[in-house]
């Protein structure tokens, strides 16, 4: 006998709730109709009736409406939704609100960008474990500090430093590897380098 795991499926969803919003129930119902691309039936208790492929689905206030593709959709209770679904962060999205992040246990775009930068350092630059383990004098930390300081100085100082192609005194490697960009990118690089340093320390501690 073989065991299988279902593949992850990205869905779209809309919350049928007007609590905490400045929208009326009618406006939210209109949003749901626009979301599924067809009319809905609203009952007196604000329950909504949706029909897809001859099947009728009912949703109560607080439920989620899930859409798979363009024509397939279902209703989902709040408890079921929070247990089985979590948001997907897309490039360009704003970071989630702290309450949403805690509720859905997702990572912000900033955290994902740091992880992607760490992966780039390993795959594109070749700075994997062997490389990192050879730097035992906290060069990775020094490089992280250099990028963080570059992000923290004034715009006037950044312009002057970059124009003169100055390299921070704490920078541990050849100046050809000093590649500051915009403030956010510099901070992402700094965070990724700190992760690399922490991983190096963890590997060193685990060795017999």
Protein backbone atom coordinates (compact mmCIF):
# COMPACT_ATOMS: atom_id res chain seq x y z
CA UNK A 1 0.00 0.00 0.00
CA UNK A 2 1.24 3.48 -0.85
CA UNK A 3 0.47 6.68 1.00
CA UNK A 4 -0.40 9.89 -0.79
CA UNK A 5 -0.69 13.52 0.19
CA UNK A 6 -3.06 15.89 -1.57
CA UNK A 7 -1.41 18.65 -3.56
CA UNK A 8 -1.85 22.21 -2.33
CA UNK A 9 -4.46 24.13 -4.30
CA UNK A 10 -4.61 27.91 -4.38
CA UNK A 11 -8.13 29.27 -4.15
CA UNK A 12 -9.81 32.64 -4.08
CA UNK A 13 -12.16 33.49 -1.25
CA UNK A 14 -14.38 36.31 -0.07
CA UNK A 15 -15.69 36.76 3.46
CA UNK A 16 -19.46 37.14 3.66
CA UNK A 17 -19.39 39.47 6.64
CA UNK A 18 -19.85 43.16 7.21
CA UNK A 19 -18.65 43.18 10.82
CA UNK A 20 -15.84 45.67 11.29
CA UNK A 21 -16.41 47.27 7.88
CA UNK A 22 -18.19 50.41 6.76
CA UNK A 23 -20.18 48.44 4.17
CA UNK A 24 -23.83 47.50 4.43
CA UNK A 25 -25.10 43.94 4.12
CA UNK A 26 -26.40 44.83 0.64
CA UNK A 27 -22.98 46.04 -0.46
CA UNK A 28 -21.31 42.86 0.80
CA UNK A 29 -23.92 40.76 -0.99
CA UNK A 30 -23.20 42.70 -4.18
CA UNK A 31 -19.49 41.98 -3.65
CA UNK A 32 -20.24 38.26 -3.36
CA UNK A 33 -22.30 38.35 -6.57
CA UNK A 34 -19.46 40.12 -8.39
CA UNK A 35 -16.96 37.61 -6.97
CA UNK A 36 -18.79 34.53 -8.26
CA UNK A 37 -19.94 36.24 -11.44
CA UNK A 38 -23.64 35.54 -11.08
CA UNK A 39 -26.71 36.59 -9.13
CA UNK A 40 -27.40 35.32 -5.65
CA UNK A 41 -30.65 34.85 -3.72
CA UNK A 42 -30.84 36.60 -0.37
CA UNK A 43 -33.22 35.27 2.27
CA UNK A 44 -34.79 37.24 5.10
CA UNK A 45 -32.18 36.21 7.67
CA UNK A 46 -29.37 37.39 5.34
CA UNK A 47 -28.56 33.83 4.33
CA UNK A 48 -27.52 33.67 0.71
CA UNK A 49 -28.26 31.00 -1.85
CA UNK A 50 -25.73 30.21 -4.59
CA UNK A 51 -26.14 27.82 -7.49
CA UNK A 52 -23.31 26.16 -9.41
CA UNK A 53 -23.58 23.20 -11.80
CA UNK A 54 -27.12 22.55 -10.60
CA UNK A 55 -26.05 22.36 -6.96
CA UNK A 56 -27.38 24.86 -4.44
CA UNK A 57 -25.13 26.16 -1.67
CA UNK A 58 -26.23 28.25 1.28
CA UNK A 59 -24.09 30.70 3.19
CA UNK A 60 -24.73 32.47 6.47
CA UNK A 61 -23.22 35.76 7.62
CA UNK A 62 -19.64 35.04 8.68
CA UNK A 63 -19.13 32.23 6.17
CA UNK A 64 -16.50 32.29 3.43
CA UNK A 65 -17.23 31.80 -0.26
CA UNK A 66 -14.50 29.74 -1.94
CA UNK A 67 -13.90 29.82 -5.68
CA UNK A 68 -11.98 27.22 -7.66
CA UNK A 69 -11.43 28.40 -11.22
CA UNK A 70 -14.12 30.53 -12.82
CA UNK A 71 -17.29 28.48 -12.24
CA UNK A 72 -16.80 26.25 -9.21
CA UNK A 73 -17.50 27.67 -5.76
CA UNK A 74 -18.59 26.55 -2.31
CA UNK A 75 -19.49 28.02 1.05
CA UNK A 76 -17.29 27.36 4.06
CA UNK A 77 -17.81 27.94 7.78
CA UNK A 78 -15.37 30.29 9.58
CA UNK A 79 -13.98 27.49 11.77
CA UNK A 80 -13.36 25.19 8.81
CA UNK A 81 -11.80 28.02 6.82
CA UNK A 82 -9.34 29.01 9.57
CA UNK A 83 -8.36 25.36 10.09
CA UNK A 84 -7.68 24.42 6.48
CA UNK A 85 -6.81 27.62 4.63
CA UNK A 86 -4.25 30.39 4.99
CA UNK A 87 -3.53 33.48 2.89
CA UNK A 88 -0.98 33.49 0.08
CA UNK A 89 1.32 36.51 -0.08
CA UNK A 90 1.78 37.77 -3.62
CA UNK A 91 4.62 40.04 -4.72
CA UNK A 92 3.45 43.62 -4.50
CA UNK A 93 0.93 42.94 -1.75
CA UNK A 94 1.13 45.02 1.38
CA UNK A 95 2.19 43.17 4.50
CA UNK A 96 -0.65 41.56 6.47
CA UNK A 97 -2.05 43.23 9.53
CA UNK A 98 -0.56 41.82 12.76
CA UNK A 99 -3.92 40.38 13.84
CA UNK A 100 -4.35 38.60 10.51
CA UNK A 101 -0.81 37.24 10.66
CA UNK A 102 -1.39 35.83 14.14
CA UNK A 103 -4.73 34.32 13.15
CA UNK A 104 -3.55 32.67 9.95
CA UNK A 105 0.12 31.97 10.86
CA UNK A 106 1.45 33.38 7.62
CA UNK A 107 4.69 35.12 6.80
CA UNK A 108 4.80 38.71 5.63
CA UNK A 109 6.24 39.63 2.26
CA UNK A 110 9.29 40.99 4.08
CA UNK A 111 10.01 37.60 5.67
CA UNK A 112 9.49 35.83 2.35
CA UNK A 113 11.87 38.25 0.63
CA UNK A 114 14.56 37.55 3.23
CA UNK A 115 14.14 33.81 2.66
CA UNK A 116 14.33 34.31 -1.11
CA UNK A 117 17.50 36.38 -0.72
CA UNK A 118 19.09 33.67 1.41
CA UNK A 119 18.23 31.13 -1.28
CA UNK A 120 19.73 33.43 -3.93
CA UNK A 121 22.96 33.72 -1.94
CA UNK A 122 23.24 29.94 -1.89
CA UNK A 123 22.10 29.11 -5.42
CA UNK A 124 23.29 32.12 -7.45
CA UNK A 125 26.38 33.17 -5.50
CA UNK A 126 27.42 29.72 -4.32
CA UNK A 127 27.58 30.81 -0.68
CA UNK A 128 26.41 27.57 0.86
CA UNK A 129 27.36 25.83 4.08
CA UNK A 130 30.96 25.12 3.08
CA UNK A 131 31.55 28.77 2.23
CA UNK A 132 29.83 30.06 5.35
CA UNK A 133 31.54 27.58 7.68
CA UNK A 134 34.93 28.85 6.53
CA UNK A 135 34.17 32.32 7.93
CA UNK A 136 34.63 31.77 11.64
CA UNK A 137 35.41 35.38 12.59
CA UNK A 138 31.83 36.57 12.19
CA UNK A 139 32.38 37.91 8.69
CA UNK A 140 28.73 37.25 7.89
CA UNK A 141 27.66 39.43 10.79
CA UNK A 142 30.07 42.17 9.76
CA UNK A 143 28.67 42.09 6.22
CA UNK A 144 25.12 42.27 7.61
CA UNK A 145 26.04 45.28 9.75
CA UNK A 146 27.55 46.99 6.71
CA UNK A 147 24.34 46.64 4.70
CA UNK A 148 22.16 47.66 7.65
CA UNK A 149 24.27 50.76 8.25
CA UNK A 150 24.07 51.64 4.56
CA UNK A 151 20.29 51.54 4.88
CA UNK A 152 20.30 53.65 8.04
CA UNK A 153 22.44 56.62 7.02
CA UNK A 154 20.95 59.82 5.62
CA UNK A 155 20.15 60.21 1.95
CA UNK A 156 22.90 62.81 1.65
CA UNK A 157 25.47 60.41 3.10
CA UNK A 158 24.24 57.56 0.91
CA UNK A 159 24.62 59.70 -2.20
CA UNK A 160 28.13 60.73 -1.22
CA UNK A 161 29.26 57.24 -0.20
CA UNK A 162 27.90 55.63 -3.36
CA UNK A 163 29.31 58.35 -5.63
CA UNK A 164 32.76 57.88 -4.10
CA UNK A 165 32.36 54.10 -4.20
CA UNK A 166 33.35 53.93 -0.56
CA UNK A 167 33.32 50.56 1.16
CA UNK A 168 32.43 50.34 4.88
CA UNK A 169 35.43 49.77 7.12
CA UNK A 170 33.69 46.75 8.66
CA UNK A 171 33.07 45.09 5.28
CA UNK A 172 34.95 41.75 5.52
CA UNK A 173 35.51 40.92 1.87
CA UNK A 174 36.83 42.40 -1.36
CA UNK A 175 35.21 45.65 -2.42
CA UNK A 176 33.97 44.01 -5.63
CA UNK A 177 31.41 42.18 -3.48
CA UNK A 178 30.08 45.37 -1.91
CA UNK A 179 26.85 45.97 -3.84
CA UNK A 180 24.45 48.28 -2.00
CA UNK A 181 21.15 49.09 -3.67
CA UNK A 182 18.04 50.73 -2.22
CA UNK A 183 17.40 50.82 1.53
CA UNK A 184 14.90 47.97 1.58
CA UNK A 185 17.09 45.65 -0.48
CA UNK A 186 20.05 46.42 1.76
CA UNK A 187 17.99 45.51 4.83
CA UNK A 188 16.80 42.29 3.20
CA UNK A 189 20.42 41.35 2.47
CA UNK A 190 21.43 42.20 6.02
CA UNK A 191 18.70 39.97 7.45
CA UNK A 192 19.61 37.09 5.12
CA UNK A 193 23.27 37.35 6.14
CA UNK A 194 22.30 37.25 9.82
CA UNK A 195 20.29 34.09 9.18
CA UNK A 196 23.35 32.59 7.47
CA UNK A 197 25.47 33.45 10.51
CA UNK A 198 22.98 31.91 12.93
CA UNK A 199 22.83 28.76 10.81
CA UNK A 200 26.64 28.59 10.84
CA UNK A 201 26.68 28.80 14.63
CA UNK A 202 24.02 26.08 14.87
CA UNK A 203 26.05 23.75 12.64
CA UNK A 204 29.20 24.41 14.62
CA UNK A 205 27.43 23.63 17.88
CA UNK A 206 25.99 20.40 16.48
CA UNK A 207 29.38 19.04 15.48
CA UNK A 208 30.88 16.43 17.84
